[in-house]
């Protein structure tokens, strides 16, 4: 599973910020379907996808954060790669057993894979795929895996996320998983527009000396799965 979140600042240059992130994930998906990846090395999958876009004859411009997780059933381990502030969370019986780390150059400026227009390379933050934080750890049957963009983590306190993920512990029914994924997305969206809410983003801003309140309107993507071993 994987998510990518295009950097919205590219709109000012007439570039659709969603195009690069969408193509990054589509390329990852195609490489997986072709078997051109190692299930123990999702950062290599991200790198192959990025370099394919980099050398494409029609370059797709933009920047994106990305998070990819791969379940290896042979050894019941989850392998993860995360660059920027999208991320994952694994919950077992109402307890977070693993959560990704954010990578930020400074407040609200995440690490990002970038393909800037010619002449803008020096002005654009661009991190290499090998900057991704990688991890691997054992998982158990029934564990709940959430992969999401920062629009989820910036607006939903962890206790609210855990309460939702508890509802699908060990769930095998795709439609029930979809219902909870929809619920998480709607909660994040509603809170993002709540101007009185002390969101995780507002708490982080305050910790960085920025006095703000409310949620953070942003792109929101939610992927939800349970481990079946």
C-alpha atoms as a PDB file:
ATOM      1  CA  UNK A   1       0.000   0.000   0.000  1.00  0.00           C
ATOM      2  CA  UNK A   2       1.179   3.532  -0.608  1.00  0.00           C
ATOM      3  CA  UNK A   3       0.147   7.178  -0.502  1.00  0.00           C
ATOM      4  CA  UNK A   4       1.730  10.314  -1.954  1.00  0.00           C
ATOM      5  CA  UNK A   5       0.818  13.952  -1.355  1.00  0.00           C
ATOM      6  CA  UNK A   6       1.678  16.571  -3.970  1.00  0.00           C
ATOM      7  CA  UNK A   7       3.102  19.891  -2.730  1.00  0.00           C
ATOM      8  CA  UNK A   8       0.429  22.536  -3.342  1.00  0.00           C
ATOM      9  CA  UNK A   9       2.852  25.428  -3.925  1.00  0.00           C
ATOM     10  CA  UNK A  10       3.310  24.330  -7.542  1.00  0.00           C
ATOM     11  CA  UNK A  11      -0.102  25.819  -8.399  1.00  0.00           C
ATOM     12  CA  UNK A  12       1.614  29.233  -8.413  1.00  0.00           C
ATOM     13  CA  UNK A  13       3.714  28.018 -11.372  1.00  0.00           C
ATOM     14  CA  UNK A  14       0.725  26.665 -13.303  1.00  0.00           C
ATOM     15  CA  UNK A  15       1.626  23.070 -12.417  1.00  0.00           C
ATOM     16  CA  UNK A  16      -1.043  20.643 -11.164  1.00  0.00           C
ATOM     17  CA  UNK A  17       0.381  19.523  -7.777  1.00  0.00           C
ATOM     18  CA  UNK A  18      -1.511  16.223  -7.928  1.00  0.00           C
ATOM     19  CA  UNK A  19      -0.033  15.009 -11.206  1.00  0.00           C
ATOM     20  CA  UNK A  20       3.445  14.127  -9.940  1.00  0.00           C
ATOM     21  CA  UNK A  21       2.169  12.315  -6.823  1.00  0.00           C
ATOM     22  CA  UNK A  22      -0.441  10.378  -8.832  1.00  0.00           C
ATOM     23  CA  UNK A  23       2.120   9.253 -11.406  1.00  0.00           C
ATOM     24  CA  UNK A  24       4.621   8.339  -8.680  1.00  0.00           C
ATOM     25  CA  UNK A  25       2.089   5.930  -7.127  1.00  0.00           C
ATOM     26  CA  UNK A  26       0.856   4.628 -10.485  1.00  0.00           C
ATOM     27  CA  UNK A  27       4.437   3.795 -11.420  1.00  0.00           C
ATOM     28  CA  UNK A  28       4.940   2.030  -8.071  1.00  0.00           C
ATOM     29  CA  UNK A  29       1.776   0.014  -8.723  1.00  0.00           C
ATOM     30  CA  UNK A  30       2.902  -0.986 -12.210  1.00  0.00           C
ATOM     31  CA  UNK A  31       6.340  -2.055 -10.957  1.00  0.00           C
ATOM     32  CA  UNK A  32       4.695  -4.193  -8.261  1.00  0.00           C
ATOM     33  CA  UNK A  33       2.365  -5.832 -10.785  1.00  0.00           C
ATOM     34  CA  UNK A  34       5.387  -6.606 -12.989  1.00  0.00           C
ATOM     35  CA  UNK A  35       7.248  -8.086 -10.010  1.00  0.00           C
ATOM     36  CA  UNK A  36      10.021  -5.479 -10.358  1.00  0.00           C
ATOM     37  CA  UNK A  37      10.452  -4.931  -6.624  1.00  0.00           C
ATOM     38  CA  UNK A  38      11.834  -6.622  -3.510  1.00  0.00           C
ATOM     39  CA  UNK A  39       9.127  -7.111  -0.840  1.00  0.00           C
ATOM     40  CA  UNK A  40      11.712  -6.335   1.838  1.00  0.00           C
ATOM     41  CA  UNK A  41      12.795  -3.021   0.271  1.00  0.00           C
ATOM     42  CA  UNK A  42       9.974  -0.501  -0.340  1.00  0.00           C
ATOM     43  CA  UNK A  43      12.448   2.410  -0.474  1.00  0.00           C
ATOM     44  CA  UNK A  44      13.960   0.820  -3.600  1.00  0.00           C
ATOM     45  CA  UNK A  45      10.457   0.667  -5.099  1.00  0.00           C
ATOM     46  CA  UNK A  46      10.035   4.400  -4.418  1.00  0.00           C
ATOM     47  CA  UNK A  47      13.448   5.091  -5.951  1.00  0.00           C
ATOM     48  CA  UNK A  48      12.705   3.081  -9.116  1.00  0.00           C
ATOM     49  CA  UNK A  49       9.407   4.926  -9.550  1.00  0.00           C
ATOM     50  CA  UNK A  50      11.027   8.336  -8.986  1.00  0.00           C
ATOM     51  CA  UNK A  51      13.887   7.718 -11.421  1.00  0.00           C
ATOM     52  CA  UNK A  52      11.476   6.398 -14.052  1.00  0.00           C
ATOM     53  CA  UNK A  53       9.608   9.720 -13.858  1.00  0.00           C
ATOM     54  CA  UNK A  54      12.898  11.644 -13.808  1.00  0.00           C
ATOM     55  CA  UNK A  55      14.045  10.090 -17.085  1.00  0.00           C
ATOM     56  CA  UNK A  56      10.627   9.993 -18.763  1.00  0.00           C
ATOM     57  CA  UNK A  57      10.671  11.656 -22.191  1.00  0.00           C
ATOM     58  CA  UNK A  58       7.804  13.941 -21.087  1.00  0.00           C
ATOM     59  CA  UNK A  59       8.773  15.025 -17.593  1.00  0.00           C
ATOM     60  CA  UNK A  60       5.963  15.268 -15.048  1.00  0.00           C
ATOM     61  CA  UNK A  61       6.875  18.219 -12.844  1.00  0.00           C
ATOM     62  CA  UNK A  62       6.159  18.728  -9.157  1.00  0.00           C
ATOM     63  CA  UNK A  63       7.047  17.528  -5.659  1.00  0.00           C
ATOM     64  CA  UNK A  64       5.543  14.943  -3.342  1.00  0.00           C
ATOM     65  CA  UNK A  65       5.850  13.229  -0.011  1.00  0.00           C
ATOM     66  CA  UNK A  66       5.373   9.444  -0.086  1.00  0.00           C
ATOM     67  CA  UNK A  67       4.830   6.456   2.179  1.00  0.00           C
ATOM     68  CA  UNK A  68       4.919   2.813   1.052  1.00  0.00           C
ATOM     69  CA  UNK A  69       4.323  -0.271   3.220  1.00  0.00           C
ATOM     70  CA  UNK A  70       4.705  -3.911   2.156  1.00  0.00           C
ATOM     71  CA  UNK A  71       3.516  -6.965   4.097  1.00  0.00           C
ATOM     72  CA  UNK A  72       5.838  -9.932   3.609  1.00  0.00           C
ATOM     73  CA  UNK A  73       3.738 -12.986   4.473  1.00  0.00           C
ATOM     74  CA  UNK A  74       6.757 -15.303   4.364  1.00  0.00           C
ATOM     75  CA  UNK A  75       8.107 -13.880   7.633  1.00  0.00           C
ATOM     76  CA  UNK A  76       5.033 -11.932   8.901  1.00  0.00           C
ATOM     77  CA  UNK A  77       6.875  -8.612   8.842  1.00  0.00           C
ATOM     78  CA  UNK A  78       5.859  -5.195   7.587  1.00  0.00           C
ATOM     79  CA  UNK A  79       8.491  -3.261   5.593  1.00  0.00           C
ATOM     80  CA  UNK A  80       8.045   0.514   5.379  1.00  0.00           C
ATOM     81  CA  UNK A  81       9.568   3.529   3.652  1.00  0.00           C
ATOM     82  CA  UNK A  82       8.467   7.087   4.395  1.00  0.00           C
ATOM     83  CA  UNK A  83       9.680  10.393   3.023  1.00  0.00           C
ATOM     84  CA  UNK A  84       8.099  13.580   4.367  1.00  0.00           C
ATOM     85  CA  UNK A  85       4.955  13.854   6.453  1.00  0.00           C
ATOM     86  CA  UNK A  86       2.597  11.266   4.999  1.00  0.00           C
ATOM     87  CA  UNK A  87       2.835   8.131   7.098  1.00  0.00           C
ATOM     88  CA  UNK A  88       1.497   4.952   8.654  1.00  0.00           C
ATOM     89  CA  UNK A  89       0.211   3.669  11.973  1.00  0.00           C
ATOM     90  CA  UNK A  90      -0.204   0.049  13.107  1.00  0.00           C
ATOM     91  CA  UNK A  91      -2.663  -0.645  15.933  1.00  0.00           C
ATOM     92  CA  UNK A  92      -3.173  -3.875  17.899  1.00  0.00           C
ATOM     93  CA  UNK A  93      -5.992  -4.167  20.423  1.00  0.00           C
ATOM     94  CA  UNK A  94      -6.241  -0.408  20.807  1.00  0.00           C
ATOM     95  CA  UNK A  95      -2.506   0.164  21.208  1.00  0.00           C
ATOM     96  CA  UNK A  96      -0.148   1.783  18.691  1.00  0.00           C
ATOM     97  CA  UNK A  97       2.643  -0.707  18.087  1.00  0.00           C
ATOM     98  CA  UNK A  98       4.374   1.302  15.327  1.00  0.00           C
ATOM     99  CA  UNK A  99       4.028   4.763  13.853  1.00  0.00           C
ATOM    100  CA  UNK A 100       6.081   6.508  11.180  1.00  0.00           C
ATOM    101  CA  UNK A 101       8.327   9.472  11.891  1.00  0.00           C
ATOM    102  CA  UNK A 102       7.820  12.794  10.128  1.00  0.00           C
ATOM    103  CA  UNK A 103      10.720  14.230   8.155  1.00  0.00           C
ATOM    104  CA  UNK A 104      10.728  18.025   7.991  1.00  0.00           C
ATOM    105  CA  UNK A 105      13.381  20.512   6.928  1.00  0.00           C
ATOM    106  CA  UNK A 106      11.580  22.996   9.169  1.00  0.00           C
ATOM    107  CA  UNK A 107       8.027  23.484  10.408  1.00  0.00           C
ATOM    108  CA  UNK A 108       5.405  22.593   7.760  1.00  0.00           C
ATOM    109  CA  UNK A 109       8.087  21.964   5.122  1.00  0.00           C
ATOM    110  CA  UNK A 110       8.444  18.200   4.706  1.00  0.00           C
ATOM    111  CA  UNK A 111      11.110  16.220   2.897  1.00  0.00           C
ATOM    112  CA  UNK A 112       9.911  15.665  -0.678  1.00  0.00           C
ATOM    113  CA  UNK A 113      10.779  14.027  -3.955  1.00  0.00           C
ATOM    114  CA  UNK A 114      10.868  16.725  -6.647  1.00  0.00           C
ATOM    115  CA  UNK A 115      11.061  17.183 -10.395  1.00  0.00           C
ATOM    116  CA  UNK A 116      11.379  20.970 -10.820  1.00  0.00           C
ATOM    117  CA  UNK A 117      11.194  22.757 -14.182  1.00  0.00           C
ATOM    118  CA  UNK A 118      14.519  23.437 -15.934  1.00  0.00           C
ATOM    119  CA  UNK A 119      16.236  26.405 -14.327  1.00  0.00           C
ATOM    120  CA  UNK A 120      14.481  25.999 -10.964  1.00  0.00           C
ATOM    121  CA  UNK A 121      16.613  23.182  -9.510  1.00  0.00           C
ATOM    122  CA  UNK A 122      18.506  25.516  -7.178  1.00  0.00           C
ATOM    123  CA  UNK A 123      15.295  27.080  -5.843  1.00  0.00           C
ATOM    124  CA  UNK A 124      13.353  23.901  -5.065  1.00  0.00           C
ATOM    125  CA  UNK A 125      13.717  21.522  -2.135  1.00  0.00           C
ATOM    126  CA  UNK A 126      14.494  18.097  -3.525  1.00  0.00           C
ATOM    127  CA  UNK A 127      15.375  15.082  -1.388  1.00  0.00           C
ATOM    128  CA  UNK A 128      16.708  11.827  -2.765  1.00  0.00           C
ATOM    129  CA  UNK A 129      14.696   8.596  -2.431  1.00  0.00           C
ATOM    130  CA  UNK A 130      17.425   7.163  -0.187  1.00  0.00           C
ATOM    131  CA  UNK A 131      16.524   9.863   2.360  1.00  0.00           C
ATOM    132  CA  UNK A 132      13.391   7.866   3.175  1.00  0.00           C
ATOM    133  CA  UNK A 133      13.125   6.518   6.728  1.00  0.00           C
ATOM    134  CA  UNK A 134      12.875   2.732   6.494  1.00  0.00           C
ATOM    135  CA  UNK A 135      11.757   0.212   9.083  1.00  0.00           C
ATOM    136  CA  UNK A 136      10.582  -3.364   9.410  1.00  0.00           C
ATOM    137  CA  UNK A 137       8.871  -5.141  12.285  1.00  0.00           C
ATOM    138  CA  UNK A 138       6.730  -8.214  13.018  1.00  0.00           C
ATOM    139  CA  UNK A 139       2.954  -7.990  12.725  1.00  0.00           C
ATOM    140  CA  UNK A 140       0.228 -10.351  13.893  1.00  0.00           C
ATOM    141  CA  UNK A 141      -2.995 -11.591  12.394  1.00  0.00           C
ATOM    142  CA  UNK A 142      -5.689  -8.934  12.848  1.00  0.00           C
ATOM    143  CA  UNK A 143      -3.376  -5.917  13.252  1.00  0.00           C
ATOM    144  CA  UNK A 144      -4.848  -2.767  11.711  1.00  0.00           C
ATOM    145  CA  UNK A 145      -2.687  -0.756   9.297  1.00  0.00           C
ATOM    146  CA  UNK A 146      -3.492   2.867   8.473  1.00  0.00           C
ATOM    147  CA  UNK A 147      -1.577   4.629   5.685  1.00  0.00           C
ATOM    148  CA  UNK A 148      -2.513   8.282   5.215  1.00  0.00           C
ATOM    149  CA  UNK A 149      -1.464  11.756   4.139  1.00  0.00           C
ATOM    150  CA  UNK A 150      -0.718  14.496   6.656  1.00  0.00           C
ATOM    151  CA  UNK A 151      -4.239  15.869   6.214  1.00  0.00           C
ATOM    152  CA  UNK A 152      -5.266  12.994   8.495  1.00  0.00           C
ATOM    153  CA  UNK A 153      -2.474  13.152  11.091  1.00  0.00           C
ATOM    154  CA  UNK A 154      -2.526  16.976  11.276  1.00  0.00           C
ATOM    155  CA  UNK A 155      -6.247  17.069  12.071  1.00  0.00           C
ATOM    156  CA  UNK A 156      -7.067  13.917  14.044  1.00  0.00           C
ATOM    157  CA  UNK A 157      -5.656  13.413  17.551  1.00  0.00           C
ATOM    158  CA  UNK A 158      -4.198   9.940  18.006  1.00  0.00           C
ATOM    159  CA  UNK A 159      -6.891   8.849  20.493  1.00  0.00           C
ATOM    160  CA  UNK A 160      -9.626   9.554  17.906  1.00  0.00           C
ATOM    161  CA  UNK A 161      -7.737   7.520  15.290  1.00  0.00           C
ATOM    162  CA  UNK A 162      -7.276   4.611  17.694  1.00  0.00           C
ATOM    163  CA  UNK A 163     -11.002   4.616  18.555  1.00  0.00           C
ATOM    164  CA  UNK A 164     -11.844   4.272  14.861  1.00  0.00           C
ATOM    165  CA  UNK A 165      -9.198   1.601  14.188  1.00  0.00           C
ATOM    166  CA  UNK A 166     -10.453  -0.456  17.140  1.00  0.00           C
ATOM    167  CA  UNK A 167     -13.714  -0.943  15.226  1.00  0.00           C
ATOM    168  CA  UNK A 168     -11.966  -3.018  12.546  1.00  0.00           C
ATOM    169  CA  UNK A 169      -9.503  -5.058  14.629  1.00  0.00           C
ATOM    170  CA  UNK A 170      -9.268  -8.396  12.806  1.00  0.00           C
ATOM    171  CA  UNK A 171     -11.891  -7.323  10.246  1.00  0.00           C
ATOM    172  CA  UNK A 172     -11.906  -9.255   6.959  1.00  0.00           C
ATOM    173  CA  UNK A 173     -14.855  -7.536   5.280  1.00  0.00           C
ATOM    174  CA  UNK A 174     -13.676  -4.958   2.725  1.00  0.00           C
ATOM    175  CA  UNK A 175     -16.893  -2.936   2.923  1.00  0.00           C
ATOM    176  CA  UNK A 176     -16.586  -2.558   6.708  1.00  0.00           C
ATOM    177  CA  UNK A 177     -12.980  -1.447   6.331  1.00  0.00           C
ATOM    178  CA  UNK A 178     -14.122   1.049   3.691  1.00  0.00           C
ATOM    179  CA  UNK A 179     -16.805   2.397   6.034  1.00  0.00           C
ATOM    180  CA  UNK A 180     -14.239   3.160   8.743  1.00  0.00           C
ATOM    181  CA  UNK A 181     -11.778   4.604   6.206  1.00  0.00           C
ATOM    182  CA  UNK A 182     -14.573   6.924   5.019  1.00  0.00           C
ATOM    183  CA  UNK A 183     -15.340   7.862   8.622  1.00  0.00           C
ATOM    184  CA  UNK A 184     -11.691   8.780   9.306  1.00  0.00           C
ATOM    185  CA  UNK A 185     -11.548  10.884   6.124  1.00  0.00           C
ATOM    186  CA  UNK A 186     -14.774  12.749   6.974  1.00  0.00           C
ATOM    187  CA  UNK A 187     -13.685  13.388  10.566  1.00  0.00           C
ATOM    188  CA  UNK A 188     -10.350  14.775   9.348  1.00  0.00           C
ATOM    189  CA  UNK A 189     -12.070  16.947   6.738  1.00  0.00           C
ATOM    190  CA  UNK A 190     -14.635  18.362   9.176  1.00  0.00           C
ATOM    191  CA  UNK A 191     -12.020  19.136  11.833  1.00  0.00           C
ATOM    192  CA  UNK A 192      -9.720  20.704   9.242  1.00  0.00           C
ATOM    193  CA  UNK A 193     -12.284  23.502   8.805  1.00  0.00           C
ATOM    194  CA  UNK A 194     -13.028  23.894  12.537  1.00  0.00           C
ATOM    195  CA  UNK A 195     -11.522  27.248  13.476  1.00  0.00           C
ATOM    196  CA  UNK A 196     -11.812  26.627  17.238  1.00  0.00           C
ATOM    197  CA  UNK A 197     -10.293  23.144  17.364  1.00  0.00           C
ATOM    198  CA  UNK A 198      -6.843  22.589  18.893  1.00  0.00           C
ATOM    199  CA  UNK A 199      -5.593  20.254  16.189  1.00  0.00           C
ATOM    200  CA  UNK A 200      -2.301  18.311  16.241  1.00  0.00           C
ATOM    201  CA  UNK A 201      -1.115  20.803  13.587  1.00  0.00           C
ATOM    202  CA  UNK A 202      -1.970  23.756  15.865  1.00  0.00           C
ATOM    203  CA  UNK A 203      -0.149  22.081  18.770  1.00  0.00           C
ATOM    204  CA  UNK A 204       2.915  21.555  16.570  1.00  0.00           C
ATOM    205  CA  UNK A 205       2.752  25.172  15.377  1.00  0.00           C
ATOM    206  CA  UNK A 206       2.610  26.392  18.977  1.00  0.00           C
ATOM    207  CA  UNK A 207       5.650  24.245  19.838  1.00  0.00           C
ATOM    208  CA  UNK A 208       7.455  26.038  16.979  1.00  0.00           C
ATOM    209  CA  UNK A 209       6.563  29.497  18.290  1.00  0.00           C
ATOM    210  CA  UNK A 210       3.583  30.055  15.978  1.00  0.00           C
ATOM    211  CA  UNK A 211       0.406  31.020  17.797  1.00  0.00           C
ATOM    212  CA  UNK A 212      -2.454  29.528  15.819  1.00  0.00           C
ATOM    213  CA  UNK A 213      -5.678  27.629  16.417  1.00  0.00           C
ATOM    214  CA  UNK A 214      -7.975  25.420  14.383  1.00  0.00           C
ATOM    215  CA  UNK A 215      -7.537  22.615  11.903  1.00  0.00           C
ATOM    216  CA  UNK A 216      -5.469  22.562   8.713  1.00  0.00           C
ATOM    217  CA  UNK A 217      -7.393  22.289   5.413  1.00  0.00           C
ATOM    218  CA  UNK A 218      -5.376  19.871   3.305  1.00  0.00           C
ATOM    219  CA  UNK A 219      -5.535  16.893   0.976  1.00  0.00           C
ATOM    220  CA  UNK A 220      -6.843  13.837   2.841  1.00  0.00           C
ATOM    221  CA  UNK A 221      -6.142  10.264   1.739  1.00  0.00           C
ATOM    222  CA  UNK A 222      -6.861   7.198   3.880  1.00  0.00           C
ATOM    223  CA  UNK A 223      -5.862   3.564   3.207  1.00  0.00           C
ATOM    224  CA  UNK A 224      -6.972   0.959   5.736  1.00  0.00           C
ATOM    225  CA  UNK A 225      -6.105  -2.739   5.933  1.00  0.00           C
ATOM    226  CA  UNK A 226      -5.906  -5.583   8.405  1.00  0.00           C
ATOM    227  CA  UNK A 227      -3.214  -8.241   8.504  1.00  0.00           C
ATOM    228  CA  UNK A 228      -4.386 -11.683   7.414  1.00  0.00           C
ATOM    229  CA  UNK A 229      -1.699 -14.327   7.972  1.00  0.00           C
END
